Amino acid sequence: MSQVLFLQAGSALLQNFAERVRSSEFKNAALSIGLHVVAYSAALLVLNVDLNALVLCIGVLLIWVSATDFRTWRIPDLASGLLAVFAAWKAAAALMQNQDWLDFTDRVLGGILWPSLFWLLARGYRNLRGIDGLGMGDVKLMIGIGILTGAAGTANVVLMAAISAILALGSGPIDFRVAA
């Protein structure tokens, strides 16, 4: 029930904010944030995630990260750091509750393996092409995502992100960045 309310709130936020603000800068920002709220809400509905305060904090951080990255091509360090802290908190709480060391080890491995792979990919692309194709913000973000979803679960996150990017590119150029 709370997931449906979250989805409805995201849709209402998008509509209300877009109607109130007439400048294209704010329309694009509202659209970007609203789309991310709706997308994350839909994912929560599909995955049947039990919402609690920590999950909502992580969700808000991810919406902030994706909306900011979508508009500016930058990921805030504060958001990446907070995501890593909240993910570690969630992993530690799960360990204390379930005493599942295998799951905890998977999460620690995810927080080390995936940022390392993204760093190697970023360095390799830079060395090969001479330009950045992947920023350090993405590498830092993978620490929190790796801890949150574990080594195996992060593979699914990366696959879904890649498919989303391909679909977005296939629909033509979309630029929601706000002019400075």
C-alpha atoms as a PDB file:
ATOM      1  CA  MET A   1       0.000   0.000   0.000  1.00  0.00           C
ATOM      2  CA  SER A   2       2.803   2.442   0.882  1.00  0.00           C
ATOM      3  CA  GLN A   3       4.504   1.723  -2.463  1.00  0.00           C
ATOM      4  CA  VAL A   4       1.329   2.791  -4.304  1.00  0.00           C
ATOM      5  CA  LEU A   5       1.211   5.998  -2.269  1.00  0.00           C
ATOM      6  CA  PHE A   6       4.878   6.644  -3.082  1.00  0.00           C
ATOM      7  CA  LEU A   7       4.154   6.121  -6.803  1.00  0.00           C
ATOM      8  CA  GLN A   8       1.135   8.438  -6.664  1.00  0.00           C
ATOM      9  CA  ALA A   9       3.121  11.063  -4.775  1.00  0.00           C
ATOM     10  CA  GLY A  10       5.861  10.951  -7.422  1.00  0.00           C
ATOM     11  CA  SER A  11       3.324  11.410 -10.215  1.00  0.00           C
ATOM     12  CA  ALA A  12       1.587  14.236  -8.374  1.00  0.00           C
ATOM     13  CA  LEU A  13       4.937  15.908  -7.661  1.00  0.00           C
ATOM     14  CA  LEU A  14       5.814  15.821 -11.342  1.00  0.00           C
ATOM     15  CA  GLN A  15       2.475  17.230 -12.489  1.00  0.00           C
ATOM     16  CA  ASN A  16       2.191  19.873  -9.772  1.00  0.00           C
ATOM     17  CA  PHE A  17       5.753  21.143 -10.117  1.00  0.00           C
ATOM     18  CA  ALA A  18       5.633  21.225 -13.922  1.00  0.00           C
ATOM     19  CA  GLU A  19       2.368  23.192 -13.841  1.00  0.00           C
ATOM     20  CA  ARG A  20       3.597  25.744 -11.306  1.00  0.00           C
ATOM     21  CA  VAL A  21       6.892  26.619 -12.886  1.00  0.00           C
ATOM     22  CA  ARG A  22       6.811  27.992 -16.416  1.00  0.00           C
ATOM     23  CA  SER A  23      10.503  28.342 -17.265  1.00  0.00           C
ATOM     24  CA  SER A  24      12.036  25.514 -19.282  1.00  0.00           C
ATOM     25  CA  GLU A  25      14.859  25.095 -16.753  1.00  0.00           C
ATOM     26  CA  PHE A  26      12.457  24.187 -13.983  1.00  0.00           C
ATOM     27  CA  LYS A  27      10.199  22.150 -16.256  1.00  0.00           C
ATOM     28  CA  ASN A  28      13.166  19.997 -17.257  1.00  0.00           C
ATOM     29  CA  ALA A  29      14.288  19.606 -13.635  1.00  0.00           C
ATOM     30  CA  ALA A  30      10.764  18.694 -12.538  1.00  0.00           C
ATOM     31  CA  LEU A  31      10.410  16.208 -15.369  1.00  0.00           C
ATOM     32  CA  SER A  32      13.755  14.631 -14.561  1.00  0.00           C
ATOM     33  CA  ILE A  33      13.035  14.284 -10.834  1.00  0.00           C
ATOM     34  CA  GLY A  34       9.465  13.154 -11.407  1.00  0.00           C
ATOM     35  CA  LEU A  35      10.500  10.504 -13.909  1.00  0.00           C
ATOM     36  CA  HIS A  36      13.068   9.155 -11.471  1.00  0.00           C
ATOM     37  CA  VAL A  37      10.548   9.058  -8.603  1.00  0.00           C
ATOM     38  CA  VAL A  38       8.077   7.176 -10.787  1.00  0.00           C
ATOM     39  CA  ALA A  39      10.764   4.756 -12.059  1.00  0.00           C
ATOM     40  CA  TYR A  40      12.048   3.940  -8.566  1.00  0.00           C
ATOM     41  CA  SER A  41       8.508   3.627  -7.236  1.00  0.00           C
ATOM     42  CA  ALA A  42       7.617   1.211 -10.019  1.00  0.00           C
ATOM     43  CA  ALA A  43      10.732  -0.829  -9.217  1.00  0.00           C
ATOM     44  CA  LEU A  44       9.707  -0.977  -5.553  1.00  0.00           C
ATOM     45  CA  LEU A  45       6.239  -2.149  -6.568  1.00  0.00           C
ATOM     46  CA  VAL A  46       7.559  -4.826  -8.916  1.00  0.00           C
ATOM     47  CA  LEU A  47      10.130  -6.073  -6.403  1.00  0.00           C
ATOM     48  CA  ASN A  48       7.588  -5.923  -3.535  1.00  0.00           C
ATOM     49  CA  VAL A  49      10.090  -4.160  -1.270  1.00  0.00           C
ATOM     50  CA  ASP A  50       9.098  -3.614   2.354  1.00  0.00           C
ATOM     51  CA  LEU A  51       9.483   0.117   2.865  1.00  0.00           C
ATOM     52  CA  ASN A  52      11.141   1.356   6.018  1.00  0.00           C
ATOM     53  CA  ALA A  53      12.926   4.593   6.856  1.00  0.00           C
ATOM     54  CA  LEU A  54      16.356   3.363   5.759  1.00  0.00           C
ATOM     55  CA  VAL A  55      15.067   2.101   2.406  1.00  0.00           C
ATOM     56  CA  LEU A  56      13.290   5.420   1.847  1.00  0.00           C
ATOM     57  CA  CYS A  57      16.517   7.326   2.627  1.00  0.00           C
ATOM     58  CA  ILE A  58      18.393   5.168   0.125  1.00  0.00           C
ATOM     59  CA  GLY A  59      15.629   5.716  -2.429  1.00  0.00           C
ATOM     60  CA  VAL A  60      15.746   9.487  -1.987  1.00  0.00           C
ATOM     61  CA  LEU A  61      19.536   9.425  -2.377  1.00  0.00           C
ATOM     62  CA  LEU A  62      19.288   7.394  -5.576  1.00  0.00           C
ATOM     63  CA  ILE A  63      16.664   9.749  -6.987  1.00  0.00           C
ATOM     64  CA  TRP A  64      18.912  12.711  -6.145  1.00  0.00           C
ATOM     65  CA  VAL A  65      21.909  10.982  -7.766  1.00  0.00           C
ATOM     66  CA  SER A  66      20.106   9.984 -10.936  1.00  0.00           C
ATOM     67  CA  ALA A  67      18.281  13.287 -11.398  1.00  0.00           C
ATOM     68  CA  THR A  68      21.511  15.247 -10.864  1.00  0.00           C
ATOM     69  CA  ASP A  69      23.549  12.942 -13.094  1.00  0.00           C
ATOM     70  CA  PHE A  70      20.871  13.000 -15.774  1.00  0.00           C
ATOM     71  CA  ARG A  71      20.872  16.808 -15.865  1.00  0.00           C
ATOM     72  CA  THR A  72      24.519  17.698 -15.190  1.00  0.00           C
ATOM     73  CA  TRP A  73      26.559  14.547 -15.910  1.00  0.00           C
ATOM     74  CA  ARG A  74      27.928  14.770 -12.351  1.00  0.00           C
ATOM     75  CA  ILE A  75      27.267  12.604  -9.297  1.00  0.00           C
ATOM     76  CA  PRO A  76      27.458  14.448  -5.947  1.00  0.00           C
ATOM     77  CA  ASP A  77      30.192  13.034  -3.690  1.00  0.00           C
ATOM     78  CA  LEU A  78      27.979  13.607  -0.659  1.00  0.00           C
ATOM     79  CA  ALA A  79      25.272  11.409  -2.156  1.00  0.00           C
ATOM     80  CA  SER A  80      27.730   8.616  -3.007  1.00  0.00           C
ATOM     81  CA  GLY A  81      29.185   8.774   0.505  1.00  0.00           C
ATOM     82  CA  LEU A  82      25.780   8.743   2.184  1.00  0.00           C
ATOM     83  CA  LEU A  83      24.657   5.848   0.002  1.00  0.00           C
ATOM     84  CA  ALA A  84      27.720   3.834   1.061  1.00  0.00           C
ATOM     85  CA  VAL A  85      27.064   4.632   4.740  1.00  0.00           C
ATOM     86  CA  PHE A  86      23.353   3.748   4.534  1.00  0.00           C
ATOM     87  CA  ALA A  87      24.122   0.559   2.568  1.00  0.00           C
ATOM     88  CA  ALA A  88      26.738  -0.490   5.139  1.00  0.00           C
ATOM     89  CA  TRP A  89      24.266   0.270   7.921  1.00  0.00           C
ATOM     90  CA  LYS A  90      21.635  -1.892   6.210  1.00  0.00           C
ATOM     91  CA  ALA A  91      24.145  -4.723   5.669  1.00  0.00           C
ATOM     92  CA  ALA A  92      25.293  -4.592   9.310  1.00  0.00           C
ATOM     93  CA  ALA A  93      21.702  -4.542  10.563  1.00  0.00           C
ATOM     94  CA  ALA A  94      20.856  -7.552   8.390  1.00  0.00           C
ATOM     95  CA  LEU A  95      23.938  -9.385   9.718  1.00  0.00           C
ATOM     96  CA  MET A  96      22.966  -8.710  13.322  1.00  0.00           C
ATOM     97  CA  GLN A  97      19.404  -9.830  12.710  1.00  0.00           C
ATOM     98  CA  ASN A  98      20.027 -12.937  10.586  1.00  0.00           C
ATOM     99  CA  GLN A  99      23.656 -13.853  11.369  1.00  0.00           C
ATOM    100  CA  ASP A 100      24.050 -14.562   7.650  1.00  0.00           C
ATOM    101  CA  TRP A 101      27.792 -14.184   7.093  1.00  0.00           C
ATOM    102  CA  LEU A 102      27.561 -15.362   3.484  1.00  0.00           C
ATOM    103  CA  ASP A 103      25.213 -12.478   2.579  1.00  0.00           C
ATOM    104  CA  PHE A 104      27.370 -10.000   4.498  1.00  0.00           C
ATOM    105  CA  THR A 105      30.514 -11.245   2.714  1.00  0.00           C
ATOM    106  CA  ASP A 106      28.713 -10.904  -0.642  1.00  0.00           C
ATOM    107  CA  ARG A 107      27.869  -7.285   0.185  1.00  0.00           C
ATOM    108  CA  VAL A 108      31.442  -6.462   1.239  1.00  0.00           C
ATOM    109  CA  LEU A 109      32.741  -8.147  -1.917  1.00  0.00           C
ATOM    110  CA  GLY A 110      30.241  -6.141  -3.990  1.00  0.00           C
ATOM    111  CA  GLY A 111      31.494  -2.916  -2.404  1.00  0.00           C
ATOM    112  CA  ILE A 112      35.062  -3.776  -3.430  1.00  0.00           C
ATOM    113  CA  LEU A 113      34.661  -5.692  -6.698  1.00  0.00           C
ATOM    114  CA  TRP A 114      32.294  -3.422  -8.650  1.00  0.00           C
ATOM    115  CA  PRO A 115      33.996  -0.082  -7.958  1.00  0.00           C
ATOM    116  CA  SER A 116      37.298  -1.745  -8.899  1.00  0.00           C
ATOM    117  CA  LEU A 117      35.829  -3.017 -12.178  1.00  0.00           C
ATOM    118  CA  PHE A 118      34.372   0.409 -12.965  1.00  0.00           C
ATOM    119  CA  TRP A 119      37.712   2.066 -12.159  1.00  0.00           C
ATOM    120  CA  LEU A 120      39.529  -0.367 -14.483  1.00  0.00           C
ATOM    121  CA  LEU A 121      36.944   0.295 -17.200  1.00  0.00           C
ATOM    122  CA  ALA A 122      37.318   4.073 -16.767  1.00  0.00           C
ATOM    123  CA  ARG A 123      41.130   3.897 -16.875  1.00  0.00           C
ATOM    124  CA  GLY A 124      41.137   1.514 -19.819  1.00  0.00           C
ATOM    125  CA  TYR A 125      38.789   3.717 -21.848  1.00  0.00           C
ATOM    126  CA  ARG A 126      40.821   6.826 -20.995  1.00  0.00           C
ATOM    127  CA  ASN A 127      44.068   5.123 -22.018  1.00  0.00           C
ATOM    128  CA  LEU A 128      42.524   3.756 -25.215  1.00  0.00           C
ATOM    129  CA  ARG A 129      40.563   6.800 -26.397  1.00  0.00           C
ATOM    130  CA  GLY A 130      42.299   9.668 -24.616  1.00  0.00           C
ATOM    131  CA  ILE A 131      39.021  10.989 -23.154  1.00  0.00           C
ATOM    132  CA  ASP A 132      36.906  10.170 -20.124  1.00  0.00           C
ATOM    133  CA  GLY A 133      34.029   7.821 -20.841  1.00  0.00           C
ATOM    134  CA  LEU A 134      33.194   7.090 -17.237  1.00  0.00           C
ATOM    135  CA  GLY A 135      33.741   9.481 -14.372  1.00  0.00           C
ATOM    136  CA  MET A 136      35.012   8.838 -10.873  1.00  0.00           C
ATOM    137  CA  GLY A 137      31.529   9.669  -9.565  1.00  0.00           C
ATOM    138  CA  ASP A 138      30.294   6.456 -11.157  1.00  0.00           C
ATOM    139  CA  VAL A 139      33.130   4.529  -9.514  1.00  0.00           C
ATOM    140  CA  LYS A 140      32.335   6.018  -6.087  1.00  0.00           C
ATOM    141  CA  LEU A 141      28.617   5.361  -6.544  1.00  0.00           C
ATOM    142  CA  MET A 142      29.364   1.682  -7.189  1.00  0.00           C
ATOM    143  CA  ILE A 143      30.732   1.350  -3.645  1.00  0.00           C
ATOM    144  CA  GLY A 144      27.290   1.995  -2.172  1.00  0.00           C
ATOM    145  CA  ILE A 145      25.429   0.044  -4.856  1.00  0.00           C
ATOM    146  CA  GLY A 146      27.818  -2.899  -4.427  1.00  0.00           C
ATOM    147  CA  ILE A 147      27.306  -2.947  -0.661  1.00  0.00           C
ATOM    148  CA  LEU A 148      23.562  -2.495  -1.045  1.00  0.00           C
ATOM    149  CA  THR A 149      22.953  -5.272  -3.570  1.00  0.00           C
ATOM    150  CA  GLY A 150      25.994  -7.533  -3.162  1.00  0.00           C
ATOM    151  CA  ALA A 151      28.393  -8.752  -5.827  1.00  0.00           C
ATOM    152  CA  ALA A 152      25.830 -10.865  -7.688  1.00  0.00           C
ATOM    153  CA  GLY A 153      22.949  -8.395  -7.321  1.00  0.00           C
ATOM    154  CA  THR A 154      25.027  -5.521  -8.673  1.00  0.00           C
ATOM    155  CA  ALA A 155      25.426  -7.422 -11.938  1.00  0.00           C
ATOM    156  CA  ASN A 156      21.649  -7.121 -12.365  1.00  0.00           C
ATOM    157  CA  VAL A 157      21.754  -3.405 -11.512  1.00  0.00           C
ATOM    158  CA  VAL A 158      24.492  -2.792 -14.100  1.00  0.00           C
ATOM    159  CA  LEU A 159      22.575  -4.814 -16.715  1.00  0.00           C
ATOM    160  CA  MET A 160      19.352  -2.854 -16.096  1.00  0.00           C
ATOM    161  CA  ALA A 161      21.249   0.445 -16.237  1.00  0.00           C
ATOM    162  CA  ALA A 162      22.897  -0.543 -19.525  1.00  0.00           C
ATOM    163  CA  ILE A 163      19.569  -1.573 -21.051  1.00  0.00           C
ATOM    164  CA  SER A 164      17.994   1.711 -19.880  1.00  0.00           C
ATOM    165  CA  ALA A 165      20.837   3.694 -21.435  1.00  0.00           C
ATOM    166  CA  ILE A 166      20.520   1.833 -24.734  1.00  0.00           C
ATOM    167  CA  LEU A 167      16.768   2.437 -24.812  1.00  0.00           C
ATOM    168  CA  ALA A 168      17.255   6.120 -23.980  1.00  0.00           C
ATOM    169  CA  LEU A 169      19.850   6.506 -26.736  1.00  0.00           C
ATOM    170  CA  GLY A 170      17.598   4.679 -29.185  1.00  0.00           C
ATOM    171  CA  SER A 171      14.833   7.227 -28.656  1.00  0.00           C
ATOM    172  CA  GLY A 172      17.073  10.058 -29.858  1.00  0.00           C
ATOM    173  CA  PRO A 173      19.045  12.727 -28.048  1.00  0.00           C
ATOM    174  CA  ILE A 174      17.527  13.876 -24.780  1.00  0.00           C
ATOM    175  CA  ASP A 175      19.197  16.730 -22.927  1.00  0.00           C
ATOM    176  CA  PHE A 176      17.699  17.656 -19.562  1.00  0.00           C
ATOM    177  CA  ARG A 177      20.767  19.526 -18.377  1.00  0.00           C
ATOM    178  CA  VAL A 178      20.095  22.989 -17.028  1.00  0.00           C
ATOM    179  CA  ALA A 179      22.012  25.769 -18.720  1.00  0.00           C
ATOM    180  CA  ALA A 180      24.449  27.482 -16.365  1.00  0.00           C
END
